[in-house]
Amino acid sequence: MKYALIGCGRVSHNHVSSAKDNGLEIVAFCDIVLEKAKKKAVESGLSVNCYDDYKLMLEKEKPQLVAIATTSGTHADIAVDCIMAGCHVIIEKPIALSLEDADRIIEAEKKMGVHVCANHQNRFNTAIQQMRNALLAERFGKLFYGTISIRWFRDKGYYGSGDWRGTWKEDGGTLMNQCIHGIDLLRWMMGDEIAEVVGMTDRLNHPYIEAEDLGIALVKFKNGSYGIIDGTVNVYGGDYEETLTIFGEKGFAKVGGTCVNKIDEWRFADGAETESHIESCTENPPNVYGFGHRSIYADMIEAIKENRKPYVDSLAGRRALELVLAIYKSAAEGCSVKLPLDSCSTLDFEGRFDG
């Protein structure tokens, strides 16, 4: 299967290594800075064509599968162009920065009969899969509430590494960039359907960005359960935790580590697994990206071959985006926000923290 990567920045290594591990025929790299694409080819030990124009790349190379790892604000336009060229697409999170753009992707996907995967790779973490299996087996019983805490650190050097970072047009803040993986997991685990959201956001420690560095929210799900979200990049000393906890009538589980990569608590009325079994769910990734990209790719390749939806499809990407935007909207308007949202964009919040 012919594969191409668009965007050769911070997360591109995970995409290239996953494409290699899954036996894809890598035919091209593309980046608006051509030298970055060429450098990626050298680093990857690959003799591939490099482009700074993805439309030309699509025309010349005709890849079957394309991964998009560009700045967040460009995801939708590139994705739609790739889809209309007949490509299956993996889109790095977030799938888009507006619900209108997410819907454009979904509509193009349906029209062309291709498959789109939202790159929420933490769904494939061993500990998260264990939690999901317990949920599907109804071991939690009635769900009461779930919490996701993302407590990391990003400094001026990080935001200075790209002029798009922390902007409303191309990125959003910590909820949209760092926290959307955990937000996706919380919504997925708690039944997906949301009634309303109350949120607060602030910019406490990064005056040189436009968006928030702290976000807190209370979520009411339609099944009667609740969710609590807190995310920040203001943790002194580095990345501390990304922890998902689910509380139910018959049990609770807590998956922690720096990126939901190990089971911290596992208590169920139907009996506990052995300590060694729980320990076997621990992964130790080198960074917060984890190991899930490889599994995202394996599933996407299988989905294409079997003509089924990928495990993390475009609608999942839209749901995660919708929840972040609902928190932004609630924080900006100072009131609860009912879901579903038909339209909302990060651009709606430009100037939010000015003055």
Protein backbone atom coordinates (compact mmCIF):
# COMPACT_ATOMS: atom_id res chain seq x y z
CA MET A 1 0.00 0.00 0.00
CA LYS A 2 1.53 3.30 -1.12
CA TYR A 3 1.89 5.78 1.74
CA ALA A 4 2.86 9.43 2.05
CA LEU A 5 3.35 11.75 5.03
CA ILE A 6 2.39 15.43 4.97
CA GLY A 7 4.08 17.38 7.77
CA CYS A 8 7.57 16.49 8.99
CA GLY A 9 7.66 18.10 12.42
CA ARG A 10 7.66 17.01 16.06
CA VAL A 11 5.46 13.90 15.79
CA SER A 12 6.53 12.76 12.31
CA HIS A 13 8.96 10.15 13.67
CA ASN A 14 6.05 8.20 15.19
CA HIS A 15 4.28 8.16 11.84
CA VAL A 16 7.28 7.09 9.80
CA SER A 17 8.30 4.34 12.21
CA SER A 18 4.70 3.07 12.34
CA ALA A 19 4.45 3.05 8.55
CA LYS A 20 7.70 1.07 8.38
CA ASP A 21 6.66 -1.38 11.09
CA ASN A 22 3.40 -2.08 9.28
CA GLY A 23 5.04 -2.72 5.93
CA LEU A 24 3.72 0.28 4.03
CA GLU A 25 5.42 1.37 0.84
CA ILE A 26 6.59 4.87 1.78
CA VAL A 27 6.71 6.90 -1.43
CA ALA A 28 6.93 10.55 -0.36
CA PHE A 29 7.39 13.12 2.39
CA CYS A 30 5.93 16.60 2.15
CA ASP A 31 6.46 19.75 4.20
CA ILE A 32 6.03 23.43 3.36
CA VAL A 33 9.71 23.70 4.31
CA LEU A 34 11.22 21.35 1.75
CA GLU A 35 14.42 20.88 3.73
CA LYS A 36 12.44 19.37 6.60
CA ALA A 37 11.01 16.74 4.28
CA LYS A 38 14.47 15.97 2.90
CA LYS A 39 15.91 15.78 6.40
CA LYS A 40 13.17 13.38 7.43
CA ALA A 41 14.00 11.13 4.49
CA VAL A 42 17.68 11.06 5.47
CA GLU A 43 16.88 10.44 9.15
CA SER A 44 14.56 7.62 8.16
CA GLY A 45 17.08 6.03 5.84
CA LEU A 46 14.66 6.21 2.94
CA SER A 47 15.13 7.18 -0.68
CA VAL A 48 11.79 8.85 -1.35
CA ASN A 49 10.59 11.87 -3.26
CA CYS A 50 10.19 15.05 -1.21
CA TYR A 51 7.76 17.88 -1.85
CA ASP A 52 6.74 21.25 -0.49
CA ASP A 53 3.39 21.14 -2.34
CA TYR A 54 1.09 18.36 -1.19
CA LYS A 55 -1.25 18.76 -4.18
CA LEU A 56 1.65 18.11 -6.53
CA MET A 57 2.64 15.14 -4.39
CA LEU A 58 -0.87 13.68 -4.63
CA GLU A 59 -0.86 14.13 -8.39
CA LYS A 60 2.61 12.63 -8.93
CA GLU A 61 2.72 9.84 -6.34
CA LYS A 62 -0.95 8.79 -6.11
CA PRO A 63 -0.65 7.39 -2.57
CA GLN A 64 -3.41 5.16 -1.22
CA LEU A 65 -2.92 6.21 2.40
CA VAL A 66 -1.82 9.65 3.60
CA ALA A 67 -1.02 10.80 7.13
CA ILE A 68 -1.48 14.49 7.95
CA ALA A 69 0.75 15.84 10.71
CA THR A 70 0.76 19.52 9.84
CA THR A 71 -0.29 22.48 11.99
CA SER A 72 -3.78 21.88 13.39
CA GLY A 73 -5.44 24.70 11.52
CA THR A 74 -4.48 23.18 8.16
CA HIS A 75 -5.74 19.66 8.84
CA ALA A 76 -9.20 20.05 7.33
CA ASP A 77 -8.26 21.60 3.97
CA ILE A 78 -5.45 19.11 3.40
CA ALA A 79 -7.64 16.20 4.48
CA VAL A 80 -10.47 17.13 2.13
CA ASP A 81 -8.03 17.49 -0.78
CA CYS A 82 -6.51 14.09 -0.02
CA ILE A 83 -9.93 12.46 0.30
CA MET A 84 -11.13 13.97 -2.98
CA ALA A 85 -7.98 12.55 -4.59
CA GLY A 86 -9.18 9.11 -3.45
CA CYS A 87 -6.81 8.68 -0.50
CA HIS A 88 -7.55 7.10 2.85
CA VAL A 89 -6.37 9.47 5.57
CA ILE A 90 -4.93 9.41 9.09
CA ILE A 91 -5.28 12.86 10.69
CA GLU A 92 -3.24 13.89 13.72
CA LYS A 93 -5.31 15.35 16.54
CA PRO A 94 -7.33 17.48 16.53
CA ILE A 95 -9.16 16.42 13.39
CA ALA A 96 -9.92 20.13 12.77
CA LEU A 97 -10.36 23.39 14.70
CA SER A 98 -14.02 23.95 13.84
CA LEU A 99 -17.06 21.70 13.71
CA GLU A 100 -17.81 22.99 10.23
CA ASP A 101 -14.41 21.75 9.05
CA ALA A 102 -14.84 18.40 10.79
CA ASP A 103 -18.17 18.02 9.01
CA ARG A 104 -16.52 18.85 5.67
CA ILE A 105 -14.11 15.98 6.24
CA ILE A 106 -16.90 13.58 7.15
CA GLU A 107 -19.00 14.59 4.15
CA ALA A 108 -16.05 14.17 1.75
CA GLU A 109 -15.26 10.79 3.30
CA LYS A 110 -18.82 9.58 2.67
CA LYS A 111 -18.84 10.96 -0.86
CA MET A 112 -15.59 9.28 -1.87
CA GLY A 113 -16.07 6.04 0.02
CA VAL A 114 -12.69 6.18 1.73
CA HIS A 115 -11.76 5.79 5.38
CA VAL A 116 -10.59 8.51 7.77
CA CYS A 117 -8.87 7.84 11.08
CA ALA A 118 -8.52 10.41 13.87
CA ASN A 119 -5.12 9.88 15.47
CA HIS A 120 -6.17 9.40 19.10
CA GLN A 121 -3.56 6.71 19.63
CA ASN A 122 -3.91 6.40 23.41
CA ARG A 123 -7.06 4.32 22.90
CA PHE A 124 -4.64 1.50 22.07
CA ASN A 125 -2.61 1.73 25.30
CA THR A 126 -2.60 -1.67 27.00
CA ALA A 127 -3.98 -0.26 30.26
CA ILE A 128 -6.70 1.69 28.42
CA GLN A 129 -7.70 -1.42 26.48
CA GLN A 130 -7.96 -3.30 29.78
CA MET A 131 -10.25 -0.57 31.16
CA ARG A 132 -12.34 -0.56 27.99
CA ASN A 133 -12.76 -4.34 28.11
CA ALA A 134 -13.93 -4.10 31.74
CA LEU A 135 -16.42 -1.42 30.71
CA LEU A 136 -17.80 -3.46 27.82
CA ALA A 137 -18.11 -6.47 30.14
CA GLU A 138 -20.22 -4.22 32.44
CA ARG A 139 -17.88 -4.83 35.36
CA PHE A 140 -18.27 -1.21 36.51
CA GLY A 141 -22.05 -1.57 36.74
CA LYS A 142 -23.84 1.75 36.65
CA LEU A 143 -21.38 4.54 35.87
CA PHE A 144 -21.23 7.38 38.40
CA TYR A 145 -18.45 9.64 37.15
CA GLY A 146 -15.10 9.73 35.46
CA THR A 147 -12.15 12.10 35.70
CA ILE A 148 -9.29 12.97 33.39
CA SER A 149 -6.32 14.96 34.65
CA ILE A 150 -3.58 16.10 32.28
CA ARG A 151 -0.86 17.88 34.24
CA TRP A 152 2.11 18.62 32.03
CA PHE A 153 4.66 21.36 31.43
CA ARG A 154 5.36 23.44 28.31
CA ASP A 155 7.74 26.38 28.38
CA LYS A 156 8.56 29.34 26.18
CA GLY A 157 10.99 27.24 24.21
CA TYR A 158 8.21 24.85 23.23
CA TYR A 159 5.87 27.62 22.10
CA GLY A 160 8.71 29.40 20.37
CA SER A 161 9.47 26.30 18.29
CA GLY A 162 6.59 27.22 15.96
CA ASP A 163 4.77 30.52 15.54
CA TRP A 164 1.49 28.60 15.20
CA ARG A 165 1.61 27.16 18.71
CA GLY A 166 -0.91 28.57 21.14
CA THR A 167 -2.73 30.59 18.47
CA TRP A 168 -6.48 30.42 17.97
CA LYS A 169 -6.13 30.14 14.20
CA GLU A 170 -3.69 27.24 14.05
CA ASP A 171 -3.68 25.48 17.43
CA GLY A 172 -5.88 26.47 20.37
CA GLY A 173 -4.59 26.04 23.90
CA THR A 174 -3.72 23.18 26.22
CA LEU A 175 -7.20 21.61 26.03
CA MET A 176 -7.06 21.39 22.24
CA ASN A 177 -3.42 20.38 21.92
CA GLN A 178 -2.15 18.51 24.97
CA CYS A 179 -5.43 17.44 26.59
CA ILE A 180 -7.59 16.32 23.68
CA HIS A 181 -6.30 12.72 23.88
CA GLY A 182 -7.49 12.41 27.48
CA ILE A 183 -10.72 14.25 26.70
CA ASP A 184 -11.35 11.76 23.91
CA LEU A 185 -10.81 8.86 26.35
CA LEU A 186 -13.17 10.29 28.96
CA ARG A 187 -16.00 10.86 26.49
CA TRP A 188 -15.47 7.41 24.90
CA MET A 189 -15.50 5.60 28.25
CA MET A 190 -18.49 7.46 29.68
CA GLY A 191 -20.88 6.71 26.84
CA ASP A 192 -20.08 9.47 24.29
CA GLU A 193 -23.43 11.27 24.52
CA ILE A 194 -23.25 14.56 26.44
CA ALA A 195 -26.09 16.71 27.78
CA GLU A 196 -24.21 19.81 28.92
CA VAL A 197 -20.82 21.23 29.82
CA VAL A 198 -19.64 23.88 32.27
CA GLY A 199 -16.08 25.08 31.76
CA MET A 200 -13.49 27.59 32.89
CA THR A 201 -10.25 28.42 31.12
CA ASP A 202 -7.42 30.83 31.84
CA ARG A 203 -3.95 31.87 30.71
CA LEU A 204 -1.94 31.96 33.91
CA ASN A 205 1.68 31.51 32.96
CA HIS A 206 2.16 31.97 29.21
CA PRO A 207 1.48 35.61 28.28
CA TYR A 208 3.12 35.10 24.88
CA ILE A 209 0.38 32.74 23.59
CA GLU A 210 -3.20 33.61 22.64
CA ALA A 211 -5.05 30.65 24.13
CA GLU A 212 -5.38 28.97 27.52
CA ASP A 213 -2.78 27.12 29.58
CA LEU A 214 -5.38 25.88 32.07
CA GLY A 215 -8.81 24.34 31.50
CA ILE A 216 -11.32 22.86 33.95
CA ALA A 217 -14.74 21.44 33.12
CA LEU A 218 -17.72 19.55 34.49
CA VAL A 219 -19.55 17.33 32.02
CA LYS A 220 -23.01 15.81 32.38
CA PHE A 221 -23.50 12.75 30.20
CA LYS A 222 -26.90 11.71 28.87
CA ASN A 223 -26.67 8.38 30.72
CA GLY A 224 -26.76 10.28 34.03
CA SER A 225 -23.06 10.05 34.82
CA TYR A 226 -20.65 12.97 35.19
CA GLY A 227 -17.17 13.81 34.04
CA ILE A 228 -14.49 16.08 35.45
CA ILE A 229 -11.69 17.47 33.27
CA ASP A 230 -8.64 19.38 34.42
CA GLY A 231 -5.73 20.11 32.14
CA THR A 232 -2.73 22.37 32.32
CA VAL A 233 0.79 22.91 31.01
CA ASN A 234 1.80 24.83 34.14
CA VAL A 235 3.25 21.97 36.20
CA TYR A 236 6.60 22.92 37.63
CA GLY A 237 9.39 20.49 36.81
CA GLY A 238 7.97 18.69 33.78
CA ASP A 239 5.20 16.35 32.72
CA TYR A 240 3.61 14.89 35.85
CA GLU A 241 0.57 12.82 34.87
CA GLU A 242 -2.24 11.97 32.53
CA THR A 243 -4.69 10.00 34.64
CA LEU A 244 -8.10 8.58 33.76
CA THR A 245 -10.32 7.29 36.58
CA ILE A 246 -13.73 5.66 36.17
CA PHE A 247 -16.07 5.18 39.16
CA GLY A 248 -19.03 2.82 38.98
CA GLU A 249 -21.51 0.98 41.16
CA LYS A 250 -19.50 -2.26 41.14
CA GLY A 251 -15.93 -1.06 40.75
CA PHE A 252 -13.43 1.59 39.88
CA ALA A 253 -10.22 1.75 37.93
CA LYS A 254 -7.48 4.34 37.64
CA VAL A 255 -5.05 4.44 34.72
CA GLY A 256 -2.17 6.84 35.27
CA GLY A 257 1.47 7.45 34.45
CA THR A 258 2.59 10.38 32.35
CA CYS A 259 0.29 9.35 29.48
CA VAL A 260 -2.33 6.85 30.73
CA ASN A 261 0.23 4.09 30.42
CA LYS A 262 -0.20 2.06 33.63
CA ILE A 263 -2.91 0.80 35.98
CA ASP A 264 -2.75 2.51 39.38
CA GLU A 265 -5.97 1.12 40.89
CA TRP A 266 -8.15 -1.84 39.89
CA ARG A 267 -11.04 -2.74 42.21
CA PHE A 268 -14.11 -4.71 41.15
CA ALA A 269 -16.84 -6.54 43.05
CA ASP A 270 -16.48 -9.60 40.79
CA GLY A 271 -12.93 -10.26 41.97
CA ALA A 272 -9.54 -8.72 41.30
CA GLU A 273 -7.03 -9.76 38.71
CA THR A 274 -3.64 -10.85 39.98
CA GLU A 275 -1.05 -8.20 40.69
CA SER A 276 1.17 -9.62 37.97
CA HIS A 277 -1.66 -9.31 35.45
CA ILE A 278 -2.17 -5.67 36.36
CA GLU A 279 1.57 -5.02 36.15
CA SER A 280 1.62 -6.59 32.68
CA CYS A 281 -0.54 -3.68 31.48
CA THR A 282 2.21 -1.17 32.25
CA GLU A 283 4.03 0.43 29.34
CA ASN A 284 7.00 2.76 29.60
CA PRO A 285 7.06 4.98 26.53
CA PRO A 286 9.96 7.38 25.98
CA ASN A 287 7.60 10.38 25.77
CA VAL A 288 3.94 11.33 26.06
CA TYR A 289 3.20 10.17 22.50
CA GLY A 290 3.26 6.58 23.79
CA PHE A 291 3.30 3.52 21.54
CA GLY A 292 -0.19 3.80 20.04
CA HIS A 293 0.73 5.11 16.60
CA ARG A 294 1.85 1.63 15.53
CA SER A 295 -1.53 0.20 16.47
CA ILE A 296 -3.42 3.07 14.83
CA TYR A 297 -1.63 2.24 11.58
CA ALA A 298 -2.18 -1.52 11.89
CA ASP A 299 -5.90 -0.99 12.46
CA MET A 300 -6.20 1.53 9.62
CA ILE A 301 -4.53 -0.83 7.14
CA GLU A 302 -6.86 -3.62 8.23
CA ALA A 303 -9.88 -1.30 7.99
CA ILE A 304 -8.97 -0.40 4.41
CA LYS A 305 -8.51 -4.05 3.44
CA GLU A 306 -11.75 -5.13 5.12
CA ASN A 307 -13.67 -2.00 4.06
CA ARG A 308 -14.79 -1.21 7.62
CA LYS A 309 -14.57 1.84 9.83
CA PRO A 310 -11.25 2.30 11.65
CA TYR A 311 -11.27 1.80 15.41
CA VAL A 312 -10.91 5.57 15.89
CA ASP A 313 -12.98 7.05 13.08
CA SER A 314 -13.71 10.59 11.94
CA LEU A 315 -16.81 10.83 14.14
CA ALA A 316 -14.65 10.06 17.19
CA GLY A 317 -12.37 12.90 16.16
CA ARG A 318 -15.36 15.22 15.83
CA ARG A 319 -16.68 14.24 19.28
CA ALA A 320 -13.38 15.07 20.98
CA LEU A 321 -13.23 18.39 19.11
CA GLU A 322 -16.83 19.20 20.03
CA LEU A 323 -16.19 18.71 23.74
CA VAL A 324 -13.14 20.99 23.73
CA LEU A 325 -15.05 23.67 21.83
CA ALA A 326 -17.98 23.34 24.24
CA ILE A 327 -15.63 24.00 27.16
CA TYR A 328 -14.22 27.04 25.35
CA LYS A 329 -17.74 28.31 24.65
CA SER A 330 -18.89 27.82 28.23
CA ALA A 331 -15.81 29.56 29.62
CA ALA A 332 -16.16 32.51 27.24
CA GLU A 333 -19.91 32.97 27.84
CA GLY A 334 -19.90 32.19 31.55
CA CYS A 335 -22.74 29.67 31.37
CA SER A 336 -23.42 26.00 30.75
CA VAL A 337 -23.51 24.84 27.15
CA LYS A 338 -25.94 22.24 25.84
CA LEU A 339 -24.80 19.64 23.37
CA PRO A 340 -24.81 18.79 20.53
CA LEU A 341 -23.15 21.83 19.00
CA ASP A 342 -23.86 22.50 15.33
CA SER A 343 -21.16 25.08 14.79
CA CYS A 344 -18.19 26.40 16.73
CA SER A 345 -14.57 27.26 15.99
CA THR A 346 -11.44 28.24 17.88
CA LEU A 347 -11.63 31.48 15.89
CA ASP A 348 -14.75 32.36 17.88
CA PHE A 349 -12.51 32.96 20.88
CA GLU A 350 -9.89 35.25 19.39
CA GLY A 351 -9.00 37.99 21.86
CA ARG A 352 -10.34 35.90 24.78
CA PHE A 353 -7.43 36.78 27.09
CA ASP A 354 -6.39 40.11 25.62
CA GLY A 355 -6.18 42.98 28.06
